[in-house]
Amino acid sequence: MARASMQTFAFTTRLVAGRERAYEQFHRSIPTALHRAMRDAGVVGWRIHRDGATLTHVVEARDRVRMEAQLSADPVNLAWQEQVAPFLASAESGTVAAPPPADAGALIWDFSWPTR
């Protein structure tokens, strides 16, 4: 059986003006249950860079379609999305090239960092 190749993709989201530092504090670590759900969905890596109010997410997954389908139905992920929603200006995002451009901003979160 052939092993599927890793898929890397990136997208952007925007923060509510003035919530940048609060978002960084909130998102410094994620709940252990969410980390587990993401791993179970095939996430291998996820980094978030911030440049002003723009967040660039760089995701490495075993299968993007499967990951998105599984996370969109996962109650742990849905609860997390409700918690993070007040920090985001809108649900819309844009796709960017992966890896992100050098000016994507400071790394503010990495999937390999501790959970809570």
PDB file of N, CA and C in Angstrom:
ATOM      1  N   MET A   1       0.847  -1.178   0.000  1.00  0.00           N
ATOM      2  CA  MET A   1       0.000   0.000   0.000  1.00  0.00           C
ATOM      3  C   MET A   1       0.889   1.237   0.000  1.00  0.00           C
ATOM      4  N   ALA A   2       0.654   2.149  -0.930  1.00  0.00           N
ATOM      5  CA  ALA A   2       1.448   3.362  -1.031  1.00  0.00           C
ATOM      6  C   ALA A   2       1.069   4.343   0.070  1.00  0.00           C
ATOM      7  N   ARG A   3       2.072   4.980   0.591  1.00  0.00           N
ATOM      8  CA  ARG A   3       1.846   5.971   1.642  1.00  0.00           C
ATOM      9  C   ARG A   3       1.516   7.316   1.007  1.00  0.00           C
ATOM     10  N   ALA A   4       0.461   7.938   1.472  1.00  0.00           N
ATOM     11  CA  ALA A   4       0.047   9.229   0.926  1.00  0.00           C
ATOM     12  C   ALA A   4       1.084  10.289   1.271  1.00  0.00           C
ATOM     13  N   SER A   5       1.290  11.212   0.364  1.00  0.00           N
ATOM     14  CA  SER A   5       2.233  12.285   0.629  1.00  0.00           C
ATOM     15  C   SER A   5       1.594  13.336   1.529  1.00  0.00           C
ATOM     16  N   MET A   6       2.447  14.053   2.221  1.00  0.00           N
ATOM     17  CA  MET A   6       1.988  15.113   3.112  1.00  0.00           C
ATOM     18  C   MET A   6       1.491  16.287   2.273  1.00  0.00           C
ATOM     19  N   GLN A   7       0.437  16.930   2.730  1.00  0.00           N
ATOM     20  CA  GLN A   7      -0.091  18.109   2.046  1.00  0.00           C
ATOM     21  C   GLN A   7       0.167  19.323   2.926  1.00  0.00           C
ATOM     22  N   THR A   8       0.749  20.355   2.342  1.00  0.00           N
ATOM     23  CA  THR A   8       0.984  21.600   3.051  1.00  0.00           C
ATOM     24  C   THR A   8       0.170  22.682   2.366  1.00  0.00           C
ATOM     25  N   PHE A   9      -0.576  23.430   3.155  1.00  0.00           N
ATOM     26  CA  PHE A   9      -1.378  24.526   2.610  1.00  0.00           C
ATOM     27  C   PHE A   9      -1.402  25.653   3.627  1.00  0.00           C
ATOM     28  N   ALA A  10      -1.784  26.814   3.165  1.00  0.00           N
ATOM     29  CA  ALA A  10      -1.814  27.985   4.035  1.00  0.00           C
ATOM     30  C   ALA A  10      -3.050  28.811   3.747  1.00  0.00           C
ATOM     31  N   PHE A  11      -3.507  29.518   4.766  1.00  0.00           N
ATOM     32  CA  PHE A  11      -4.639  30.430   4.604  1.00  0.00           C
ATOM     33  C   PHE A  11      -4.494  31.562   5.620  1.00  0.00           C
ATOM     34  N   THR A  12      -5.230  32.622   5.397  1.00  0.00           N
ATOM     35  CA  THR A  12      -5.178  33.765   6.307  1.00  0.00           C
ATOM     36  C   THR A  12      -6.535  34.012   6.953  1.00  0.00           C
ATOM     37  N   THR A  13      -6.481  34.562   8.143  1.00  0.00           N
ATOM     38  CA  THR A  13      -7.661  35.062   8.835  1.00  0.00           C
ATOM     39  C   THR A  13      -7.290  36.433   9.388  1.00  0.00           C
ATOM     40  N   ARG A  14      -8.289  37.202   9.778  1.00  0.00           N
ATOM     41  CA  ARG A  14      -8.047  38.547  10.309  1.00  0.00           C
ATOM     42  C   ARG A  14      -8.582  38.640  11.719  1.00  0.00           C
ATOM     43  N   LEU A  15      -7.812  39.337  12.556  1.00  0.00           N
ATOM     44  CA  LEU A  15      -8.218  39.558  13.932  1.00  0.00           C
ATOM     45  C   LEU A  15      -9.040  40.827  14.063  1.00  0.00           C
ATOM     46  N   VAL A  16      -9.887  40.859  15.066  1.00  0.00           N
ATOM     47  CA  VAL A  16     -10.607  42.081  15.419  1.00  0.00           C
ATOM     48  C   VAL A  16      -9.554  43.109  15.838  1.00  0.00           C
ATOM     49  N   ALA A  17      -9.676  44.315  15.346  1.00  0.00           N
ATOM     50  CA  ALA A  17      -8.720  45.370  15.689  1.00  0.00           C
ATOM     51  C   ALA A  17      -8.610  45.528  17.210  1.00  0.00           C
ATOM     52  N   GLY A  18      -7.385  45.599  17.670  1.00  0.00           N
ATOM     53  CA  GLY A  18      -7.136  45.775  19.092  1.00  0.00           C
ATOM     54  C   GLY A  18      -7.095  44.480  19.893  1.00  0.00           C
ATOM     55  N   ARG A  19      -7.386  43.343  19.274  1.00  0.00           N
ATOM     56  CA  ARG A  19      -7.419  42.059  19.994  1.00  0.00           C
ATOM     57  C   ARG A  19      -6.163  41.213  19.754  1.00  0.00           C
ATOM     58  N   GLU A  20      -5.178  41.770  19.090  1.00  0.00           N
ATOM     59  CA  GLU A  20      -4.001  41.009  18.698  1.00  0.00           C
ATOM     60  C   GLU A  20      -3.291  40.363  19.894  1.00  0.00           C
ATOM     61  N   ARG A  21      -2.955  41.144  20.886  1.00  0.00           N
ATOM     62  CA  ARG A  21      -2.219  40.615  22.052  1.00  0.00           C
ATOM     63  C   ARG A  21      -3.086  39.642  22.856  1.00  0.00           C
ATOM     64  N   ALA A  22      -4.356  39.944  23.003  1.00  0.00           N
ATOM     65  CA  ALA A  22      -5.254  39.046  23.735  1.00  0.00           C
ATOM     66  C   ALA A  22      -5.364  37.702  23.015  1.00  0.00           C
ATOM     67  N   TYR A  23      -5.401  37.735  21.680  1.00  0.00           N
ATOM     68  CA  TYR A  23      -5.446  36.495  20.904  1.00  0.00           C
ATOM     69  C   TYR A  23      -4.179  35.677  21.131  1.00  0.00           C
ATOM     70  N   GLU A  24      -3.045  36.349  21.107  1.00  0.00           N
ATOM     71  CA  GLU A  24      -1.780  35.637  21.323  1.00  0.00           C
ATOM     72  C   GLU A  24      -1.762  34.960  22.689  1.00  0.00           C
ATOM     73  N   GLN A  25      -2.224  35.647  23.704  1.00  0.00           N
ATOM     74  CA  GLN A  25      -2.273  35.069  25.051  1.00  0.00           C
ATOM     75  C   GLN A  25      -3.234  33.877  25.085  1.00  0.00           C
ATOM     76  N   PHE A  26      -4.414  34.053  24.512  1.00  0.00           N
ATOM     77  CA  PHE A  26      -5.421  32.994  24.482  1.00  0.00           C
ATOM     78  C   PHE A  26      -4.911  31.770  23.729  1.00  0.00           C
ATOM     79  N   HIS A  27      -4.229  32.018  22.629  1.00  0.00           N
ATOM     80  CA  HIS A  27      -3.834  30.940  21.731  1.00  0.00           C
ATOM     81  C   HIS A  27      -2.424  30.422  22.008  1.00  0.00           C
ATOM     82  N   ARG A  28      -1.814  30.841  23.094  1.00  0.00           N
ATOM     83  CA  ARG A  28      -0.447  30.421  23.401  1.00  0.00           C
ATOM     84  C   ARG A  28      -0.350  28.890  23.495  1.00  0.00           C
ATOM     85  N   SER A  29      -1.387  28.261  23.975  1.00  0.00           N
ATOM     86  CA  SER A  29      -1.459  26.797  23.970  1.00  0.00           C
ATOM     87  C   SER A  29      -2.913  26.426  23.722  1.00  0.00           C
ATOM     88  N   ILE A  30      -3.100  25.216  23.250  1.00  0.00           N
ATOM     89  CA  ILE A  30      -4.463  24.751  22.990  1.00  0.00           C
ATOM     90  C   ILE A  30      -4.793  23.603  23.931  1.00  0.00           C
ATOM     91  N   PRO A  31      -6.074  23.348  24.149  1.00  0.00           N
ATOM     92  CA  PRO A  31      -6.451  22.229  25.023  1.00  0.00           C
ATOM     93  C   PRO A  31      -5.934  20.895  24.493  1.00  0.00           C
ATOM     94  N   THR A  32      -5.544  20.040  25.396  1.00  0.00           N
ATOM     95  CA  THR A  32      -5.034  18.716  25.042  1.00  0.00           C
ATOM     96  C   THR A  32      -6.034  17.949  24.179  1.00  0.00           C
ATOM     97  N   ALA A  33      -7.322  18.053  24.494  1.00  0.00           N
ATOM     98  CA  ALA A  33      -8.342  17.333  23.712  1.00  0.00           C
ATOM     99  C   ALA A  33      -8.388  17.834  22.270  1.00  0.00           C
ATOM    100  N   LEU A  34      -8.180  19.125  22.066  1.00  0.00           N
ATOM    101  CA  LEU A  34      -8.168  19.663  20.705  1.00  0.00           C
ATOM    102  C   LEU A  34      -6.926  19.171  19.966  1.00  0.00           C
ATOM    103  N   HIS A  35      -5.800  19.179  20.629  1.00  0.00           N
ATOM    104  CA  HIS A  35      -4.564  18.674  20.030  1.00  0.00           C
ATOM    105  C   HIS A  35      -4.755  17.224  19.572  1.00  0.00           C
ATOM    106  N   ARG A  36      -5.378  16.432  20.419  1.00  0.00           N
ATOM    107  CA  ARG A  36      -5.645  15.021  20.094  1.00  0.00           C
ATOM    108  C   ARG A  36      -6.581  14.917  18.883  1.00  0.00           C
ATOM    109  N   ALA A  37      -7.642  15.727  18.872  1.00  0.00           N
ATOM    110  CA  ALA A  37      -8.599  15.705  17.753  1.00  0.00           C
ATOM    111  C   ALA A  37      -7.912  16.087  16.442  1.00  0.00           C
ATOM    112  N   MET A  38      -7.030  17.072  16.511  1.00  0.00           N
ATOM    113  CA  MET A  38      -6.312  17.498  15.314  1.00  0.00           C
ATOM    114  C   MET A  38      -5.374  16.388  14.824  1.00  0.00           C
ATOM    115  N   ARG A  39      -4.662  15.772  15.749  1.00  0.00           N
ATOM    116  CA  ARG A  39      -3.776  14.647  15.379  1.00  0.00           C
ATOM    117  C   ARG A  39      -4.591  13.508  14.753  1.00  0.00           C
ATOM    118  N   ASP A  40      -5.727  13.183  15.380  1.00  0.00           N
ATOM    119  CA  ASP A  40      -6.585  12.111  14.859  1.00  0.00           C
ATOM    120  C   ASP A  40      -7.102  12.433  13.457  1.00  0.00           C
ATOM    121  N   ALA A  41      -7.256  13.716  13.163  1.00  0.00           N
ATOM    122  CA  ALA A  41      -7.736  14.141  11.841  1.00  0.00           C
ATOM    123  C   ALA A  41      -6.607  14.176  10.811  1.00  0.00           C
ATOM    124  N   GLY A  42      -5.380  13.913  11.252  1.00  0.00           N
ATOM    125  CA  GLY A  42      -4.266  13.868  10.319  1.00  0.00           C
ATOM    126  C   GLY A  42      -3.392  15.102  10.287  1.00  0.00           C
ATOM    127  N   VAL A  43      -3.584  16.026  11.229  1.00  0.00           N
ATOM    128  CA  VAL A  43      -2.716  17.202  11.291  1.00  0.00           C
ATOM    129  C   VAL A  43      -1.349  16.764  11.808  1.00  0.00           C
ATOM    130  N   VAL A  44      -0.323  17.158  11.083  1.00  0.00           N
ATOM    131  CA  VAL A  44       1.049  16.853  11.471  1.00  0.00           C
ATOM    132  C   VAL A  44       1.729  18.116  11.986  1.00  0.00           C
ATOM    133  N   GLY A  45       1.377  19.237  11.413  1.00  0.00           N
ATOM    134  CA  GLY A  45       1.940  20.521  11.824  1.00  0.00           C
ATOM    135  C   GLY A  45       0.960  21.642  11.546  1.00  0.00           C
ATOM    136  N   TRP A  46       1.018  22.670  12.392  1.00  0.00           N
ATOM    137  CA  TRP A  46       0.172  23.863  12.179  1.00  0.00           C
ATOM    138  C   TRP A  46       0.898  25.006  12.856  1.00  0.00           C
ATOM    139  N   ARG A  47       1.230  26.004  12.074  1.00  0.00           N
ATOM    140  CA  ARG A  47       1.903  27.189  12.611  1.00  0.00           C
ATOM    141  C   ARG A  47       1.070  28.411  12.273  1.00  0.00           C
ATOM    142  N   ILE A  48       1.073  29.370  13.174  1.00  0.00           N
ATOM    143  CA  ILE A  48       0.357  30.620  12.939  1.00  0.00           C
ATOM    144  C   ILE A  48       1.348  31.767  13.080  1.00  0.00           C
ATOM    145  N   HIS A  49       1.401  32.599  12.039  1.00  0.00           N
ATOM    146  CA  HIS A  49       2.230  33.803  12.027  1.00  0.00           C
ATOM    147  C   HIS A  49       1.290  34.999  12.095  1.00  0.00           C
ATOM    148  N   ARG A  50       1.720  36.063  12.783  1.00  0.00           N
ATOM    149  CA  ARG A  50       0.895  37.266  12.855  1.00  0.00           C
ATOM    150  C   ARG A  50       1.679  38.464  12.348  1.00  0.00           C
ATOM    151  N   ASP A  51       1.046  39.205  11.443  1.00  0.00           N
ATOM    152  CA  ASP A  51       1.559  40.476  10.956  1.00  0.00           C
ATOM    153  C   ASP A  51       0.428  41.473  11.112  1.00  0.00           C
ATOM    154  N   GLY A  52       0.491  42.283  12.161  1.00  0.00           N
ATOM    155  CA  GLY A  52      -0.616  43.182  12.462  1.00  0.00           C
ATOM    156  C   GLY A  52      -1.835  42.369  12.818  1.00  0.00           C
ATOM    157  N   ALA A  53      -2.923  42.594  12.097  1.00  0.00           N
ATOM    158  CA  ALA A  53      -4.166  41.864  12.360  1.00  0.00           C
ATOM    159  C   ALA A  53      -4.326  40.645  11.443  1.00  0.00           C
ATOM    160  N   THR A  54      -3.331  40.380  10.599  1.00  0.00           N
ATOM    161  CA  THR A  54      -3.416  39.250   9.675  1.00  0.00           C
ATOM    162  C   THR A  54      -2.708  38.034  10.252  1.00  0.00           C
ATOM    163  N   LEU A  55      -3.435  36.929  10.316  1.00  0.00           N
ATOM    164  CA  LEU A  55      -2.877  35.653  10.756  1.00  0.00           C
ATOM    165  C   LEU A  55      -2.683  34.778   9.528  1.00  0.00           C
ATOM    166  N   THR A  56      -1.495  34.216   9.382  1.00  0.00           N
ATOM    167  CA  THR A  56      -1.231  33.261   8.314  1.00  0.00           C
ATOM    168  C   THR A  56      -1.048  31.899   8.959  1.00  0.00           C
ATOM    169  N   HIS A  57      -1.919  30.962   8.609  1.00  0.00           N
ATOM    170  CA  HIS A  57      -1.895  29.602   9.129  1.00  0.00           C
ATOM    171  C   HIS A  57      -1.215  28.716   8.083  1.00  0.00           C
ATOM    172  N   VAL A  58      -0.218  27.968   8.502  1.00  0.00           N
ATOM    173  CA  VAL A  58       0.461  27.020   7.619  1.00  0.00           C
ATOM    174  C   VAL A  58       0.223  25.634   8.202  1.00  0.00           C
ATOM    175  N   VAL A  59      -0.449  24.795   7.436  1.00  0.00           N
ATOM    176  CA  VAL A  59      -0.897  23.493   7.930  1.00  0.00           C
ATOM    177  C   VAL A  59      -0.244  22.380   7.127  1.00  0.00           C
ATOM    178  N   GLU A  60       0.210  21.360   7.841  1.00  0.00           N
ATOM    179  CA  GLU A  60       0.707  20.138   7.220  1.00  0.00           C
ATOM    180  C   GLU A  60      -0.234  19.027   7.653  1.00  0.00           C
ATOM    181  N   ALA A  61      -0.825  18.341   6.684  1.00  0.00           N
ATOM    182  CA  ALA A  61      -1.797  17.283   6.984  1.00  0.00           C
ATOM    183  C   ALA A  61      -1.568  16.092   6.077  1.00  0.00           C
ATOM    184  N   ARG A  62      -1.985  14.954   6.565  1.00  0.00           N
ATOM    185  CA  ARG A  62      -1.861  13.732   5.765  1.00  0.00           C
ATOM    186  C   ARG A  62      -2.840  13.770   4.584  1.00  0.00           C
ATOM    187  N   ASP A  63      -4.017  14.355   4.797  1.00  0.00           N
ATOM    188  CA  ASP A  63      -5.055  14.438   3.764  1.00  0.00           C
ATOM    189  C   ASP A  63      -5.942  15.624   4.124  1.00  0.00           C
ATOM    190  N   ARG A  64      -5.808  16.715   3.388  1.00  0.00           N
ATOM    191  CA  ARG A  64      -6.533  17.942   3.719  1.00  0.00           C
ATOM    192  C   ARG A  64      -8.047  17.754   3.708  1.00  0.00           C
ATOM    193  N   VAL A  65      -8.571  17.084   2.704  1.00  0.00           N
ATOM    194  CA  VAL A  65     -10.025  16.906   2.597  1.00  0.00           C
ATOM    195  C   VAL A  65     -10.544  16.120   3.797  1.00  0.00           C
ATOM    196  N   ARG A  66      -9.868  15.034   4.135  1.00  0.00           N
ATOM    197  CA  ARG A  66     -10.267  14.223   5.295  1.00  0.00           C
ATOM    198  C   ARG A  66     -10.152  15.030   6.584  1.00  0.00           C
ATOM    199  N   MET A  67      -9.045  15.775   6.727  1.00  0.00           N
ATOM    200  CA  MET A  67      -8.835  16.592   7.919  1.00  0.00           C
ATOM    201  C   MET A  67      -9.969  17.597   8.095  1.00  0.00           C
ATOM    202  N   GLU A  68     -10.283  18.330   7.025  1.00  0.00           N
ATOM    203  CA  GLU A  68     -11.330  19.347   7.113  1.00  0.00           C
ATOM    204  C   GLU A  68     -12.686  18.721   7.426  1.00  0.00           C
ATOM    205  N   ALA A  69     -12.991  17.591   6.809  1.00  0.00           N
ATOM    206  CA  ALA A  69     -14.271  16.925   7.066  1.00  0.00           C
ATOM    207  C   ALA A  69     -14.350  16.443   8.515  1.00  0.00           C
ATOM    208  N   GLN A  70     -13.297  15.829   8.982  1.00  0.00           N
ATOM    209  CA  GLN A  70     -13.304  15.294  10.345  1.00  0.00           C
ATOM    210  C   GLN A  70     -13.383  16.417  11.379  1.00  0.00           C
ATOM    211  N   LEU A  71     -12.594  17.480  11.207  1.00  0.00           N
ATOM    212  CA  LEU A  71     -12.611  18.570  12.183  1.00  0.00           C
ATOM    213  C   LEU A  71     -13.923  19.354  12.154  1.00  0.00           C
ATOM    214  N   SER A  72     -14.540  19.460  10.980  1.00  0.00           N
ATOM    215  CA  SER A  72     -15.789  20.230  10.892  1.00  0.00           C
ATOM    216  C   SER A  72     -16.933  19.550  11.638  1.00  0.00           C
ATOM    217  N   ALA A  73     -16.783  18.257  11.932  1.00  0.00           N
ATOM    218  CA  ALA A  73     -17.824  17.521  12.657  1.00  0.00           C
ATOM    219  C   ALA A  73     -17.405  17.166  14.081  1.00  0.00           C
ATOM    220  N   ASP A  74     -16.194  17.517  14.462  1.00  0.00           N
ATOM    221  CA  ASP A  74     -15.680  17.126  15.774  1.00  0.00           C
ATOM    222  C   ASP A  74     -16.171  18.095  16.853  1.00  0.00           C
ATOM    223  N   PRO A  75     -16.864  17.603  17.898  1.00  0.00           N
ATOM    224  CA  PRO A  75     -17.394  18.496  18.931  1.00  0.00           C
ATOM    225  C   PRO A  75     -16.318  19.274  19.698  1.00  0.00           C
ATOM    226  N   VAL A  76     -15.154  18.701  19.865  1.00  0.00           N
ATOM    227  CA  VAL A  76     -14.061  19.412  20.547  1.00  0.00           C
ATOM    228  C   VAL A  76     -13.604  20.587  19.692  1.00  0.00           C
ATOM    229  N   ASN A  77     -13.433  20.361  18.392  1.00  0.00           N
ATOM    230  CA  ASN A  77     -13.036  21.439  17.497  1.00  0.00           C
ATOM    231  C   ASN A  77     -14.135  22.495  17.393  1.00  0.00           C
ATOM    232  N   LEU A  78     -15.379  22.083  17.328  1.00  0.00           N
ATOM    233  CA  LEU A  78     -16.480  23.048  17.240  1.00  0.00           C
ATOM    234  C   LEU A  78     -16.524  23.943  18.479  1.00  0.00           C
ATOM    235  N   ALA A  79     -16.283  23.368  19.650  1.00  0.00           N
ATOM    236  CA  ALA A  79     -16.250  24.164  20.889  1.00  0.00           C
ATOM    237  C   ALA A  79     -15.084  25.150  20.847  1.00  0.00           C
ATOM    238  N   TRP A  80     -13.935  24.708  20.339  1.00  0.00           N
ATOM    239  CA  TRP A  80     -12.772  25.594  20.218  1.00  0.00           C
ATOM    240  C   TRP A  80     -13.082  26.742  19.258  1.00  0.00           C
ATOM    241  N   GLN A  81     -13.730  26.449  18.149  1.00  0.00           N
ATOM    242  CA  GLN A  81     -14.063  27.496  17.180  1.00  0.00           C
ATOM    243  C   GLN A  81     -14.969  28.554  17.811  1.00  0.00           C
ATOM    244  N   GLU A  82     -15.869  28.130  18.679  1.00  0.00           N
ATOM    245  CA  GLU A  82     -16.725  29.096  19.389  1.00  0.00           C
ATOM    246  C   GLU A  82     -15.903  29.970  20.323  1.00  0.00           C
ATOM    247  N   GLN A  83     -14.900  29.393  20.963  1.00  0.00           N
ATOM    248  CA  GLN A  83     -14.058  30.157  21.889  1.00  0.00           C
ATOM    249  C   GLN A  83     -13.166  31.156  21.161  1.00  0.00           C
ATOM    250  N   VAL A  84     -12.669  30.795  19.990  1.00  0.00           N
ATOM    251  CA  VAL A  84     -11.749  31.662  19.260  1.00  0.00           C
ATOM    252  C   VAL A  84     -12.496  32.699  18.409  1.00  0.00           C
ATOM    253  N   ALA A  85     -13.752  32.454  18.093  1.00  0.00           N
ATOM    254  CA  ALA A  85     -14.527  33.339  17.211  1.00  0.00           C
ATOM    255  C   ALA A  85     -14.534  34.808  17.630  1.00  0.00           C
ATOM    256  N   PRO A  86     -14.642  35.152  18.926  1.00  0.00           N
ATOM    257  CA  PRO A  86     -14.654  36.572  19.286  1.00  0.00           C
ATOM    258  C   PRO A  86     -13.376  37.335  18.927  1.00  0.00           C
ATOM    259  N   PHE A  87     -12.303  36.631  18.666  1.00  0.00           N
ATOM    260  CA  PHE A  87     -11.048  37.281  18.286  1.00  0.00           C
ATOM    261  C   PHE A  87     -10.965  37.551  16.791  1.00  0.00           C
ATOM    262  N   LEU A  88     -11.778  36.861  15.993  1.00  0.00           N
ATOM    263  CA  LEU A  88     -11.671  36.941  14.542  1.00  0.00           C
ATOM    264  C   LEU A  88     -12.649  37.951  13.957  1.00  0.00           C
ATOM    265  N   ALA A  89     -12.155  38.733  13.003  1.00  0.00           N
ATOM    266  CA  ALA A  89     -12.967  39.776  12.384  1.00  0.00           C
ATOM    267  C   ALA A  89     -14.057  39.188  11.505  1.00  0.00           C
ATOM    268  N   SER A  90     -13.770  38.049  10.867  1.00  0.00           N
ATOM    269  CA  SER A  90     -14.768  37.397  10.021  1.00  0.00           C
ATOM    270  C   SER A  90     -14.380  35.948   9.848  1.00  0.00           C
ATOM    271  N   ALA A  91     -15.330  35.173   9.398  1.00  0.00           N
ATOM    272  CA  ALA A  91     -15.076  33.753   9.162  1.00  0.00           C
ATOM    273  C   ALA A  91     -14.375  33.541   7.827  1.00  0.00           C
ATOM    274  N   GLU A  92     -14.361  34.556   6.988  1.00  0.00           N
ATOM    275  CA  GLU A  92     -13.751  34.411   5.670  1.00  0.00           C
ATOM    276  C   GLU A  92     -12.239  34.398   5.783  1.00  0.00           C
ATOM    277  N   SER A  93     -11.621  33.670   4.905  1.00  0.00           N
ATOM    278  CA  SER A  93     -10.172  33.625   4.865  1.00  0.00           C
ATOM    279  C   SER A  93      -9.722  33.558   3.423  1.00  0.00           C
ATOM    280  N   GLY A  94      -8.450  33.807   3.221  1.00  0.00           N
ATOM    281  CA  GLY A  94      -7.885  33.718   1.895  1.00  0.00           C
ATOM    282  C   GLY A  94      -6.810  32.657   1.864  1.00  0.00           C
ATOM    283  N   THR A  95      -6.604  32.067   0.708  1.00  0.00           N
ATOM    284  CA  THR A  95      -5.570  31.066   0.547  1.00  0.00           C
ATOM    285  C   THR A  95      -4.286  31.767   0.133  1.00  0.00           C
ATOM    286  N   VAL A  96      -3.182  31.347   0.705  1.00  0.00           N
ATOM    287  CA  VAL A  96      -1.879  31.900   0.340  1.00  0.00           C
ATOM    288  C   VAL A  96      -0.956  30.748  -0.016  1.00  0.00           C
ATOM    289  N   ALA A  97       0.144  31.090  -0.624  1.00  0.00           N
ATOM    290  CA  ALA A  97       1.121  30.066  -0.982  1.00  0.00           C
ATOM    291  C   ALA A  97       1.738  29.476   0.276  1.00  0.00           C
ATOM    292  N   ALA A  98       2.098  28.218   0.214  1.00  0.00           N
ATOM    293  CA  ALA A  98       2.790  27.581   1.329  1.00  0.00           C
ATOM    294  C   ALA A  98       4.160  27.152   0.822  1.00  0.00           C
ATOM    295  N   PRO A  99       5.220  27.384   1.537  1.00  0.00           N
ATOM    296  CA  PRO A  99       5.276  28.057   2.826  1.00  0.00           C
ATOM    297  C   PRO A  99       4.950  29.540   2.680  1.00  0.00           C
ATOM    298  N   PRO A 100       4.614  30.174   3.797  1.00  0.00           N
ATOM    299  CA  PRO A 100       4.213  31.574   3.724  1.00  0.00           C
ATOM    300  C   PRO A 100       5.388  32.462   3.322  1.00  0.00           C
ATOM    301  N   PRO A 101       5.082  33.633   2.804  1.00  0.00           N
ATOM    302  CA  PRO A 101       6.165  34.556   2.461  1.00  0.00           C
ATOM    303  C   PRO A 101       6.952  34.934   3.722  1.00  0.00           C
ATOM    304  N   ALA A 102       8.187  35.344   3.525  1.00  0.00           N
ATOM    305  CA  ALA A 102       9.060  35.694   4.652  1.00  0.00           C
ATOM    306  C   ALA A 102       8.465  36.803   5.514  1.00  0.00           C
ATOM    307  N   ASP A 103       7.614  37.625   4.931  1.00  0.00           N
ATOM    308  CA  ASP A 103       7.018  38.734   5.687  1.00  0.00           C
ATOM    309  C   ASP A 103       5.660  38.374   6.296  1.00  0.00           C
ATOM    310  N   ALA A 104       5.409  37.082   6.520  1.00  0.00           N
ATOM    311  CA  ALA A 104       4.133  36.641   7.100  1.00  0.00           C
ATOM    312  C   ALA A 104       3.985  37.078   8.548  1.00  0.00           C
ATOM    313  N   GLY A 105       5.065  37.512   9.158  1.00  0.00           N
ATOM    314  CA  GLY A 105       5.003  37.983  10.535  1.00  0.00           C
ATOM    315  C   GLY A 105       5.635  37.000  11.506  1.00  0.00           C
ATOM    316  N   ALA A 106       5.561  37.382  12.751  1.00  0.00           N
ATOM    317  CA  ALA A 106       6.167  36.593  13.820  1.00  0.00           C
ATOM    318  C   ALA A 106       5.397  35.299  14.059  1.00  0.00           C
ATOM    319  N   LEU A 107       6.122  34.238  14.343  1.00  0.00           N
ATOM    320  CA  LEU A 107       5.490  32.982  14.720  1.00  0.00           C
ATOM    321  C   LEU A 107       4.886  33.152  16.107  1.00  0.00           C
ATOM    322  N   ILE A 108       3.565  32.966  16.202  1.00  0.00           N
ATOM    323  CA  ILE A 108       2.922  33.132  17.511  1.00  0.00           C
ATOM    324  C   ILE A 108       2.374  31.827  18.061  1.00  0.00           C
ATOM    325  N   TRP A 109       2.315  30.779  17.220  1.00  0.00           N
ATOM    326  CA  TRP A 109       1.847  29.480  17.713  1.00  0.00           C
ATOM    327  C   TRP A 109       2.347  28.385  16.805  1.00  0.00           C
ATOM    328  N   ASP A 110       2.686  27.253  17.424  1.00  0.00           N
ATOM    329  CA  ASP A 110       3.142  26.082  16.699  1.00  0.00           C
ATOM    330  C   ASP A 110       2.489  24.855  17.313  1.00  0.00           C
ATOM    331  N   PHE A 111       2.033  23.952  16.478  1.00  0.00           N
ATOM    332  CA  PHE A 111       1.352  22.728  16.909  1.00  0.00           C
ATOM    333  C   PHE A 111       2.215  21.900  17.859  1.00  0.00           C
ATOM    334  N   SER A 112       3.518  22.059  17.781  1.00  0.00           N
ATOM    335  CA  SER A 112       4.416  21.284  18.634  1.00  0.00           C
ATOM    336  C   SER A 112       4.550  21.872  20.042  1.00  0.00           C
ATOM    337  N   TRP A 113       4.004  23.063  20.274  1.00  0.00           N
ATOM    338  CA  TRP A 113       4.111  23.694  21.587  1.00  0.00           C
ATOM    339  C   TRP A 113       3.204  22.998  22.596  1.00  0.00           C
ATOM    340  N   PRO A 114       3.431  23.232  23.869  1.00  0.00           N
ATOM    341  CA  PRO A 114       2.645  22.544  24.925  1.00  0.00           C
ATOM    342  C   PRO A 114       1.143  22.803  24.821  1.00  0.00           C
ATOM    343  N   THR A 115       0.405  21.824  25.299  1.00  0.00           N
ATOM    344  CA  THR A 115      -1.051  21.947  25.388  1.00  0.00           C
ATOM    345  C   THR A 115      -1.415  22.262  26.838  1.00  0.00           C
ATOM    346  N   ARG A 116      -2.694  22.533  27.040  1.00  0.00           N
ATOM    347  CA  ARG A 116      -3.129  22.822  28.415  1.00  0.00           C
ATOM    348  C   ARG A 116      -4.279  21.909  28.798  1.00  0.00           C
TER     349      ARG A 116
END
